[in-house]
Amino acid sequence: MVITFLVGGAVAAGTYLFARKKRASTGQSVAAAAVTGVGSGVATAIVATFFWPILVLGGAAAGGYYYARHKSMKALPAGRDG
């Protein structure tokens, strides 16, 4: 949920600054920032909702595969005392 606010806020801020740079009025800049900020926040929430389980399970599977392939690695040599 925090990620949606961060992404939405960043997009809204970028839109506002871009609109002000293009000499849009303050009202137009705020309206454009609000629309793009909310839209990107909603899109981020939808993507995160559907893809988080895939990313978590995929990460667990990739970690298990890596561990299975490299579990016979040798230990590091003894360190120097000094």
Protein backbone atom coordinates (compact mmCIF):
# COMPACT_ATOMS: atom_id res chain seq x y z
CA MET A 1 0.00 0.00 0.00
CA VAL A 2 2.86 2.35 0.74
CA ILE A 3 4.31 1.73 -2.71
CA THR A 4 1.09 2.98 -4.31
CA PHE A 5 1.34 6.26 -2.40
CA LEU A 6 5.00 6.65 -3.28
CA VAL A 7 4.47 5.99 -6.98
CA GLY A 8 1.33 8.13 -7.14
CA GLY A 9 3.01 10.99 -5.31
CA ALA A 10 6.10 10.86 -7.48
CA VAL A 11 4.07 10.84 -10.69
CA ALA A 12 1.84 13.66 -9.42
CA ALA A 13 4.85 15.77 -8.47
CA GLY A 14 6.49 15.15 -11.81
CA THR A 15 3.31 16.03 -13.67
CA TYR A 16 2.85 19.22 -11.68
CA LEU A 17 6.42 20.34 -12.30
CA PHE A 18 6.19 19.48 -15.99
CA ALA A 19 2.92 21.39 -16.38
CA ARG A 20 4.34 24.43 -14.59
CA LYS A 21 7.42 24.30 -16.83
CA LYS A 22 5.11 24.40 -19.84
CA ARG A 23 3.52 27.54 -18.34
CA ALA A 24 0.16 25.99 -17.49
CA SER A 25 -1.92 27.76 -14.86
CA THR A 26 -1.73 26.57 -11.27
CA GLY A 27 -5.25 25.13 -11.46
CA GLN A 28 -4.50 23.17 -14.61
CA SER A 29 -1.25 21.91 -13.15
CA VAL A 30 -2.93 20.74 -9.96
CA ALA A 31 -5.74 19.04 -11.88
CA ALA A 32 -3.30 17.22 -14.17
CA ALA A 33 -1.18 16.17 -11.19
CA ALA A 34 -4.22 14.86 -9.32
CA VAL A 35 -5.48 12.82 -12.26
CA THR A 36 -2.12 11.29 -13.13
CA GLY A 37 -1.20 10.68 -9.49
CA VAL A 38 -4.43 8.84 -8.71
CA GLY A 39 -4.31 6.93 -11.98
CA SER A 40 -0.76 5.73 -11.47
CA GLY A 41 -1.50 4.85 -7.85
CA VAL A 42 -4.46 2.72 -8.88
CA ALA A 43 -2.46 1.06 -11.65
CA THR A 44 0.34 0.30 -9.20
CA ALA A 45 -2.12 -1.18 -6.70
CA ILE A 46 -3.64 -3.42 -9.37
CA VAL A 47 -0.28 -4.63 -10.64
CA ALA A 48 1.05 -5.18 -7.13
CA THR A 49 -2.07 -7.10 -6.10
CA PHE A 50 -1.89 -9.52 -8.99
CA PHE A 51 1.86 -9.92 -9.34
CA TRP A 52 3.13 -10.00 -5.71
CA PRO A 53 2.22 -13.66 -5.22
CA ILE A 54 3.93 -14.55 -8.49
CA LEU A 55 7.05 -12.62 -7.51
CA VAL A 56 7.18 -14.13 -4.03
CA LEU A 57 6.64 -17.70 -5.24
CA GLY A 58 9.01 -17.19 -8.15
CA GLY A 59 11.67 -15.81 -5.82
CA ALA A 60 11.26 -18.75 -3.46
CA ALA A 61 11.51 -21.19 -6.36
CA ALA A 62 14.58 -19.43 -7.76
CA GLY A 63 16.23 -19.44 -4.33
CA GLY A 64 15.49 -23.13 -3.88
CA TYR A 65 16.88 -23.92 -7.32
CA TYR A 66 20.04 -21.91 -6.61
CA TYR A 67 20.50 -23.61 -3.24
CA ALA A 68 19.96 -27.07 -4.76
CA ARG A 69 22.52 -26.39 -7.50
CA HIS A 70 25.15 -24.93 -5.15
CA LYS A 71 24.67 -26.80 -1.87
CA SER A 72 27.91 -28.71 -2.37
CA MET A 73 30.04 -25.57 -2.32
CA LYS A 74 33.22 -25.83 -0.29
CA ALA A 75 33.67 -23.75 2.84
CA LEU A 76 35.89 -20.73 2.75
CA PRO A 77 39.50 -21.28 3.77
CA ALA A 78 40.58 -20.42 7.29
CA GLY A 79 41.31 -16.75 7.83
CA ARG A 80 44.58 -15.28 8.99
CA ASP A 81 44.93 -14.33 12.62
CA GLY A 82 46.56 -11.07 12.94
